[in-house]
Amino acid sequence: MTDTEEAQATASTSTTTTTPTEKDAAKICVLLNATGNVPIIKKRTWTVDPNKTVSWIQKFIHKFLKLDANEQIFLYVNQTFAPAPDQIIKNLYECHGTNGKLVLYYCKNQAWG
């Protein structure tokens, strides 16, 4: 997420009649955990549009950590498998979400799967 997208993802103001709690309910809570030798993101919990893809989250992490263009980010669901880059977050959450969150692990090297 860029700073603008982050602000949009967590903003509670709206021009429609939707209340902030209804707007946030449409978002999916994603918990990002670092694995291996990747820098840690201090803010671990993010709200994400359910129609975003795994590749969008990978790009967000890459930009947030200010990694070199040649460095890759690998994502894993619950330390078990690597989802396809075109996988929709909503589908992952429905199948693998626990305690109201989708837990994703990120690293610079392949770890599981």
C-alpha atoms as a PDB file:
ATOM      1  CA  MET A   1       0.000   0.000   0.000  1.00  0.00           C
ATOM      2  CA  THR A   2       1.239   3.469  -0.739  1.00  0.00           C
ATOM      3  CA  ASP A   3       0.737   6.198   1.835  1.00  0.00           C
ATOM      4  CA  THR A   4      -2.377   7.304  -0.041  1.00  0.00           C
ATOM      5  CA  GLU A   5      -3.736   3.766  -0.290  1.00  0.00           C
ATOM      6  CA  GLU A   6      -2.914   3.180   3.374  1.00  0.00           C
ATOM      7  CA  ALA A   7      -4.843   6.304   4.306  1.00  0.00           C
ATOM      8  CA  GLN A   8      -7.758   5.180   2.168  1.00  0.00           C
ATOM      9  CA  ALA A   9      -7.657   1.678   3.648  1.00  0.00           C
ATOM     10  CA  THR A  10      -7.799   2.923   7.223  1.00  0.00           C
ATOM     11  CA  ALA A  11      -9.716   6.183   6.790  1.00  0.00           C
ATOM     12  CA  SER A  12     -12.957   6.466   8.662  1.00  0.00           C
ATOM     13  CA  THR A  13     -14.417   9.446   6.811  1.00  0.00           C
ATOM     14  CA  SER A  14     -16.739   8.922   3.915  1.00  0.00           C
ATOM     15  CA  THR A  15     -18.840  11.032   1.590  1.00  0.00           C
ATOM     16  CA  THR A  16     -21.654   8.464   1.553  1.00  0.00           C
ATOM     17  CA  THR A  17     -24.012   7.526   4.354  1.00  0.00           C
ATOM     18  CA  THR A  18     -21.944   4.453   5.200  1.00  0.00           C
ATOM     19  CA  THR A  19     -20.757   4.560   8.796  1.00  0.00           C
ATOM     20  CA  PRO A  20     -17.067   3.897   9.525  1.00  0.00           C
ATOM     21  CA  THR A  21     -17.844   0.542  11.127  1.00  0.00           C
ATOM     22  CA  GLU A  22     -19.778  -0.589   8.051  1.00  0.00           C
ATOM     23  CA  LYS A  23     -16.968   0.560   5.783  1.00  0.00           C
ATOM     24  CA  ASP A  24     -14.336  -1.226   7.898  1.00  0.00           C
ATOM     25  CA  ALA A  25     -16.489  -4.366   7.948  1.00  0.00           C
ATOM     26  CA  ALA A  26     -16.121  -4.553   4.168  1.00  0.00           C
ATOM     27  CA  LYS A  27     -12.338  -4.676   4.588  1.00  0.00           C
ATOM     28  CA  ILE A  28     -10.360  -7.762   5.521  1.00  0.00           C
ATOM     29  CA  CYS A  29      -7.922  -7.660   8.418  1.00  0.00           C
ATOM     30  CA  VAL A  30      -4.531  -9.003   7.300  1.00  0.00           C
ATOM     31  CA  LEU A  31      -1.815  -9.855   9.809  1.00  0.00           C
ATOM     32  CA  LEU A  32       1.682  -9.642   8.286  1.00  0.00           C
ATOM     33  CA  ASN A  33       4.433 -11.641   9.991  1.00  0.00           C
ATOM     34  CA  ALA A  34       8.085 -11.461   8.995  1.00  0.00           C
ATOM     35  CA  THR A  35      10.038 -14.657   8.436  1.00  0.00           C
ATOM     36  CA  GLY A  36      13.711 -15.205   7.744  1.00  0.00           C
ATOM     37  CA  ASN A  37      16.015 -12.287   7.038  1.00  0.00           C
ATOM     38  CA  VAL A  38      13.396  -9.775   5.915  1.00  0.00           C
ATOM     39  CA  PRO A  39      12.967  -6.466   7.793  1.00  0.00           C
ATOM     40  CA  ILE A  40      10.066  -6.405  10.221  1.00  0.00           C
ATOM     41  CA  ILE A  41       7.087  -4.138   9.605  1.00  0.00           C
ATOM     42  CA  LYS A  42       6.203  -2.695  13.015  1.00  0.00           C
ATOM     43  CA  LYS A  43       2.540  -2.266  12.121  1.00  0.00           C
ATOM     44  CA  ARG A  44       1.525  -5.883  11.623  1.00  0.00           C
ATOM     45  CA  THR A  45      -2.242  -5.541  11.164  1.00  0.00           C
ATOM     46  CA  TRP A  46      -3.652  -3.897   8.025  1.00  0.00           C
ATOM     47  CA  THR A  47      -7.144  -3.585   6.614  1.00  0.00           C
ATOM     48  CA  VAL A  48      -7.270  -4.458   2.938  1.00  0.00           C
ATOM     49  CA  ASP A  49      -9.908  -4.264   0.235  1.00  0.00           C
ATOM     50  CA  PRO A  50     -11.174  -7.848  -0.236  1.00  0.00           C
ATOM     51  CA  ASN A  51     -10.856  -7.580  -4.021  1.00  0.00           C
ATOM     52  CA  LYS A  52      -7.096  -6.907  -3.933  1.00  0.00           C
ATOM     53  CA  THR A  53      -4.760  -9.673  -5.071  1.00  0.00           C
ATOM     54  CA  VAL A  54      -1.793 -11.368  -3.432  1.00  0.00           C
ATOM     55  CA  SER A  55       0.529  -9.622  -5.901  1.00  0.00           C
ATOM     56  CA  TRP A  56      -0.851  -6.269  -4.719  1.00  0.00           C
ATOM     57  CA  ILE A  57       0.147  -7.129  -1.137  1.00  0.00           C
ATOM     58  CA  GLN A  58       3.579  -8.275  -2.330  1.00  0.00           C
ATOM     59  CA  LYS A  59       4.080  -4.937  -4.106  1.00  0.00           C
ATOM     60  CA  PHE A  60       2.897  -3.047  -1.022  1.00  0.00           C
ATOM     61  CA  ILE A  61       5.386  -4.869   1.233  1.00  0.00           C
ATOM     62  CA  HIS A  62       8.152  -4.359  -1.329  1.00  0.00           C
ATOM     63  CA  LYS A  63       7.500  -0.592  -1.456  1.00  0.00           C
ATOM     64  CA  PHE A  64       6.939  -0.264   2.295  1.00  0.00           C
ATOM     65  CA  LEU A  65      10.280  -1.935   3.061  1.00  0.00           C
ATOM     66  CA  LYS A  66      11.995   0.064   0.280  1.00  0.00           C
ATOM     67  CA  LEU A  67      13.615  -3.058  -1.142  1.00  0.00           C
ATOM     68  CA  ASP A  68      15.785  -3.073  -4.265  1.00  0.00           C
ATOM     69  CA  ALA A  69      14.012  -3.801  -7.535  1.00  0.00           C
ATOM     70  CA  ASN A  70      15.805  -7.162  -7.849  1.00  0.00           C
ATOM     71  CA  GLU A  71      14.652  -8.385  -4.414  1.00  0.00           C
ATOM     72  CA  GLN A  72      11.542 -10.544  -4.252  1.00  0.00           C
ATOM     73  CA  ILE A  73       8.894 -10.957  -1.587  1.00  0.00           C
ATOM     74  CA  PHE A  74       7.314 -14.357  -1.016  1.00  0.00           C
ATOM     75  CA  LEU A  75       3.996 -14.668   0.812  1.00  0.00           C
ATOM     76  CA  TYR A  76       2.730 -17.715   2.670  1.00  0.00           C
ATOM     77  CA  VAL A  77      -0.661 -18.411   4.206  1.00  0.00           C
ATOM     78  CA  ASN A  78      -0.449 -19.781   7.783  1.00  0.00           C
ATOM     79  CA  GLN A  79       3.128 -21.022   7.219  1.00  0.00           C
ATOM     80  CA  THR A  80       1.878 -23.685   4.830  1.00  0.00           C
ATOM     81  CA  PHE A  81       1.595 -22.661   1.180  1.00  0.00           C
ATOM     82  CA  ALA A  82       2.326 -19.847  -1.226  1.00  0.00           C
ATOM     83  CA  PRO A  83      -0.863 -18.497  -2.812  1.00  0.00           C
ATOM     84  CA  ALA A  84      -0.919 -17.652  -6.506  1.00  0.00           C
ATOM     85  CA  PRO A  85      -0.181 -13.967  -7.240  1.00  0.00           C
ATOM     86  CA  ASP A  86      -3.593 -13.529  -8.863  1.00  0.00           C
ATOM     87  CA  GLN A  87      -5.461 -15.015  -5.880  1.00  0.00           C
ATOM     88  CA  ILE A  88      -8.095 -12.674  -4.413  1.00  0.00           C
ATOM     89  CA  ILE A  89      -7.698 -11.819  -0.704  1.00  0.00           C
ATOM     90  CA  LYS A  90     -11.395 -12.412  -0.049  1.00  0.00           C
ATOM     91  CA  ASN A  91     -11.115 -16.030  -1.234  1.00  0.00           C
ATOM     92  CA  LEU A  92      -8.042 -16.656   0.919  1.00  0.00           C
ATOM     93  CA  TYR A  93      -9.765 -15.159   3.938  1.00  0.00           C
ATOM     94  CA  GLU A  94     -12.897 -17.254   3.474  1.00  0.00           C
ATOM     95  CA  CYS A  95     -10.850 -20.464   3.285  1.00  0.00           C
ATOM     96  CA  HIS A  96      -7.963 -19.734   5.657  1.00  0.00           C
ATOM     97  CA  GLY A  97      -8.968 -16.809   7.881  1.00  0.00           C
ATOM     98  CA  THR A  98      -8.817 -17.400  11.635  1.00  0.00           C
ATOM     99  CA  ASN A  99     -10.024 -15.219  14.498  1.00  0.00           C
ATOM    100  CA  GLY A 100     -11.227 -12.582  12.035  1.00  0.00           C
ATOM    101  CA  LYS A 101      -7.807 -12.217  10.367  1.00  0.00           C
ATOM    102  CA  LEU A 102      -5.915 -13.582   7.415  1.00  0.00           C
ATOM    103  CA  VAL A 103      -2.399 -14.428   8.589  1.00  0.00           C
ATOM    104  CA  LEU A 104       0.290 -13.948   5.945  1.00  0.00           C
ATOM    105  CA  TYR A 105       4.012 -14.552   6.373  1.00  0.00           C
ATOM    106  CA  TYR A 106       6.433 -12.663   4.156  1.00  0.00           C
ATOM    107  CA  CYS A 107      10.101 -13.297   3.420  1.00  0.00           C
ATOM    108  CA  LYS A 108      12.767 -12.649   0.805  1.00  0.00           C
ATOM    109  CA  ASN A 109      13.582 -16.335   0.258  1.00  0.00           C
ATOM    110  CA  GLN A 110      11.326 -19.316  -0.291  1.00  0.00           C
ATOM    111  CA  ALA A 111      10.487 -20.806   3.082  1.00  0.00           C
ATOM    112  CA  TRP A 112       7.477 -23.134   2.897  1.00  0.00           C
ATOM    113  CA  GLY A 113       5.316 -24.705   0.234  1.00  0.00           C
END
